[in-house]
Amino acid sequence: QVQLVESGGGSVQVGESLRLSCAVSDRPGRVYDLGWYRRAPGKEREVVAIISWTGDRIIYADSVKGRFTVSRDNTKKTVPLQMNRLKAEDTAIYYCYAATQPDAWGTGIQVTVSS
């Protein structure tokens, strides 16, 4: 079972940047998409970004396109999420995700953006 541990969350002001990272622990040889979801207060969990194993296919939520950048390092087994020009509506708990069978999730990390 893959294990995912998020880091880098915190509180920032509107317009500032934050970088999340996810450390992936798994046995060698498995190939799968990785990414990030978030759950804002009072809302359903939603996808933020998904990146394929080779990194050639990336999906972003419309709300973060042009502001967030997801990447992955399969050697270091990390999935960074660079978040720029943050908005108050980006406030949420962010979860690292692995498209394994079954899906795997981190425990989540809080990001708070205040004006």
C-alpha atoms as a PDB file:
ATOM      1  CA  GLN A   1       0.000   0.000   0.000  1.00  0.00           C
ATOM      2  CA  VAL A   2       1.413   3.364  -1.027  1.00  0.00           C
ATOM      3  CA  GLN A   3       1.786   5.984   1.694  1.00  0.00           C
ATOM      4  CA  LEU A   4       1.513   9.704   1.028  1.00  0.00           C
ATOM      5  CA  VAL A   5       2.672  12.475   3.367  1.00  0.00           C
ATOM      6  CA  GLU A   6       1.960  16.125   2.617  1.00  0.00           C
ATOM      7  CA  SER A   7       4.080  19.069   3.749  1.00  0.00           C
ATOM      8  CA  GLY A   8       4.390  22.797   3.179  1.00  0.00           C
ATOM      9  CA  GLY A   9       0.960  24.060   4.138  1.00  0.00           C
ATOM     10  CA  GLY A  10       0.297  27.169   6.173  1.00  0.00           C
ATOM     11  CA  SER A  11      -1.254  30.620   6.189  1.00  0.00           C
ATOM     12  CA  VAL A  12      -0.518  33.308   3.610  1.00  0.00           C
ATOM     13  CA  GLN A  13      -2.008  36.527   2.310  1.00  0.00           C
ATOM     14  CA  VAL A  14      -3.947  36.907  -0.928  1.00  0.00           C
ATOM     15  CA  GLY A  15      -1.563  37.150  -3.854  1.00  0.00           C
ATOM     16  CA  GLU A  16       1.250  35.271  -2.164  1.00  0.00           C
ATOM     17  CA  SER A  17       2.691  31.874  -3.037  1.00  0.00           C
ATOM     18  CA  LEU A  18       2.982  28.549  -1.280  1.00  0.00           C
ATOM     19  CA  ARG A  19       4.593  25.280  -2.253  1.00  0.00           C
ATOM     20  CA  LEU A  20       3.185  21.968  -1.139  1.00  0.00           C
ATOM     21  CA  SER A  21       4.981  18.689  -1.461  1.00  0.00           C
ATOM     22  CA  CYS A  22       3.989  15.066  -1.114  1.00  0.00           C
ATOM     23  CA  ALA A  23       6.414  12.303  -0.211  1.00  0.00           C
ATOM     24  CA  VAL A  24       5.465   8.959  -1.760  1.00  0.00           C
ATOM     25  CA  SER A  25       6.446   5.684  -0.134  1.00  0.00           C
ATOM     26  CA  ASP A  26       5.882   2.537  -2.181  1.00  0.00           C
ATOM     27  CA  ARG A  27       7.577  -0.587  -3.415  1.00  0.00           C
ATOM     28  CA  PRO A  28       9.588  -0.185  -6.640  1.00  0.00           C
ATOM     29  CA  GLY A  29       8.075  -0.910 -10.025  1.00  0.00           C
ATOM     30  CA  ARG A  30       4.578   0.485  -9.638  1.00  0.00           C
ATOM     31  CA  VAL A  31       3.375   3.072 -12.141  1.00  0.00           C
ATOM     32  CA  TYR A  32       0.459   5.395 -11.506  1.00  0.00           C
ATOM     33  CA  ASP A  33      -0.834   8.939 -11.761  1.00  0.00           C
ATOM     34  CA  LEU A  34      -0.329  11.278  -8.815  1.00  0.00           C
ATOM     35  CA  GLY A  35      -1.918  14.541  -7.903  1.00  0.00           C
ATOM     36  CA  TRP A  36      -3.717  16.829  -5.514  1.00  0.00           C
ATOM     37  CA  TYR A  37      -7.299  17.305  -4.377  1.00  0.00           C
ATOM     38  CA  ARG A  38      -8.730  19.816  -1.952  1.00  0.00           C
ATOM     39  CA  ARG A  39     -11.759  20.260   0.262  1.00  0.00           C
ATOM     40  CA  ALA A  40     -12.853  23.779   1.079  1.00  0.00           C
ATOM     41  CA  PRO A  41     -15.052  24.484   4.122  1.00  0.00           C
ATOM     42  CA  GLY A  42     -18.617  23.375   3.399  1.00  0.00           C
ATOM     43  CA  LYS A  43     -17.770  21.995  -0.037  1.00  0.00           C
ATOM     44  CA  GLU A  44     -17.112  18.654  -1.660  1.00  0.00           C
ATOM     45  CA  ARG A  45     -13.610  17.443  -2.324  1.00  0.00           C
ATOM     46  CA  GLU A  46     -12.451  18.524  -5.777  1.00  0.00           C
ATOM     47  CA  VAL A  47      -9.514  17.771  -8.023  1.00  0.00           C
ATOM     48  CA  VAL A  48      -6.757  20.367  -8.176  1.00  0.00           C
ATOM     49  CA  ALA A  49      -4.218  18.725 -10.475  1.00  0.00           C
ATOM     50  CA  ILE A  50      -3.302  15.253 -11.728  1.00  0.00           C
ATOM     51  CA  ILE A  51      -0.023  14.306 -13.389  1.00  0.00           C
ATOM     52  CA  SER A  52       0.751  11.096 -15.248  1.00  0.00           C
ATOM     53  CA  TRP A  53       3.722   8.846 -14.525  1.00  0.00           C
ATOM     54  CA  THR A  54       5.864  10.382 -17.285  1.00  0.00           C
ATOM     55  CA  GLY A  55       4.576  13.887 -16.652  1.00  0.00           C
ATOM     56  CA  ASP A  56       3.387  14.313 -20.240  1.00  0.00           C
ATOM     57  CA  ARG A  57      -0.263  14.475 -19.284  1.00  0.00           C
ATOM     58  CA  ILE A  58      -1.430  17.010 -16.707  1.00  0.00           C
ATOM     59  CA  ILE A  59      -4.937  18.022 -15.757  1.00  0.00           C
ATOM     60  CA  TYR A  60      -5.767  21.173 -13.797  1.00  0.00           C
ATOM     61  CA  ALA A  61      -8.998  22.402 -12.340  1.00  0.00           C
ATOM     62  CA  ASP A  62     -10.175  25.484 -14.237  1.00  0.00           C
ATOM     63  CA  SER A  63     -10.004  27.493 -11.027  1.00  0.00           C
ATOM     64  CA  VAL A  64      -6.242  26.997 -10.686  1.00  0.00           C
ATOM     65  CA  LYS A  65      -5.068  27.001 -14.309  1.00  0.00           C
ATOM     66  CA  GLY A  66      -2.283  29.509 -14.847  1.00  0.00           C
ATOM     67  CA  ARG A  67      -1.640  29.838 -11.102  1.00  0.00           C
ATOM     68  CA  PHE A  68      -0.769  26.341  -9.899  1.00  0.00           C
ATOM     69  CA  THR A  69       1.889  24.011 -11.270  1.00  0.00           C
ATOM     70  CA  VAL A  70       2.160  20.329 -10.432  1.00  0.00           C
ATOM     71  CA  SER A  71       5.245  18.231 -11.096  1.00  0.00           C
ATOM     72  CA  ARG A  72       6.721  14.950  -9.999  1.00  0.00           C
ATOM     73  CA  ASP A  73      10.135  13.504  -9.332  1.00  0.00           C
ATOM     74  CA  ASN A  74       9.989   9.724  -9.690  1.00  0.00           C
ATOM     75  CA  THR A  75      13.533   9.362  -8.366  1.00  0.00           C
ATOM     76  CA  LYS A  76      12.925  11.352  -5.197  1.00  0.00           C
ATOM     77  CA  LYS A  77       9.296  10.170  -5.130  1.00  0.00           C
ATOM     78  CA  THR A  78       7.804  13.590  -4.549  1.00  0.00           C
ATOM     79  CA  VAL A  79       4.896  15.506  -6.032  1.00  0.00           C
ATOM     80  CA  PRO A  80       5.296  19.268  -5.574  1.00  0.00           C
ATOM     81  CA  LEU A  81       2.426  21.680  -6.096  1.00  0.00           C
ATOM     82  CA  GLN A  82       3.518  25.269  -6.638  1.00  0.00           C
ATOM     83  CA  MET A  83       0.664  27.657  -5.886  1.00  0.00           C
ATOM     84  CA  ASN A  84       1.025  31.264  -7.014  1.00  0.00           C
ATOM     85  CA  ARG A  85      -1.288  34.280  -6.827  1.00  0.00           C
ATOM     86  CA  LEU A  86      -3.303  32.596  -4.146  1.00  0.00           C
ATOM     87  CA  LYS A  87      -6.895  33.638  -3.584  1.00  0.00           C
ATOM     88  CA  ALA A  88      -9.090  33.438  -0.512  1.00  0.00           C
ATOM     89  CA  GLU A  89     -11.127  30.724  -2.244  1.00  0.00           C
ATOM     90  CA  ASP A  90      -8.025  28.532  -2.376  1.00  0.00           C
ATOM     91  CA  THR A  91      -8.393  28.056   1.370  1.00  0.00           C
ATOM     92  CA  ALA A  92      -8.879  24.332   1.897  1.00  0.00           C
ATOM     93  CA  ILE A  93      -7.381  21.125   3.131  1.00  0.00           C
ATOM     94  CA  TYR A  94      -5.164  19.775   0.367  1.00  0.00           C
ATOM     95  CA  TYR A  95      -4.782  16.031  -0.117  1.00  0.00           C
ATOM     96  CA  CYS A  96      -2.124  14.155  -2.018  1.00  0.00           C
ATOM     97  CA  TYR A  97      -3.581  11.430  -4.229  1.00  0.00           C
ATOM     98  CA  ALA A  98      -2.279   8.313  -5.971  1.00  0.00           C
ATOM     99  CA  ALA A  99      -4.292   6.510  -8.631  1.00  0.00           C
ATOM    100  CA  THR A 100      -3.521   3.091  -7.304  1.00  0.00           C
ATOM    101  CA  GLN A 101      -5.997   0.263  -6.778  1.00  0.00           C
ATOM    102  CA  PRO A 102      -7.506   1.151  -4.413  1.00  0.00           C
ATOM    103  CA  ASP A 103      -6.832   4.888  -4.559  1.00  0.00           C
ATOM    104  CA  ALA A 104      -4.462   6.195  -1.908  1.00  0.00           C
ATOM    105  CA  TRP A 105      -4.743   9.464  -0.006  1.00  0.00           C
ATOM    106  CA  GLY A 106      -2.609  11.509   2.326  1.00  0.00           C
ATOM    107  CA  THR A 107      -4.054  12.783   5.585  1.00  0.00           C
ATOM    108  CA  GLY A 108      -4.313  16.335   4.247  1.00  0.00           C
ATOM    109  CA  ILE A 109      -2.686  19.651   4.995  1.00  0.00           C
ATOM    110  CA  GLN A 110      -4.300  23.005   5.694  1.00  0.00           C
ATOM    111  CA  VAL A 111      -3.800  25.985   3.400  1.00  0.00           C
ATOM    112  CA  THR A 112      -5.330  29.271   4.551  1.00  0.00           C
ATOM    113  CA  VAL A 113      -5.353  32.371   2.376  1.00  0.00           C
ATOM    114  CA  SER A 114      -6.515  35.575   4.007  1.00  0.00           C
ATOM    115  CA  SER A 115      -7.013  39.094   2.741  1.00  0.00           C
END
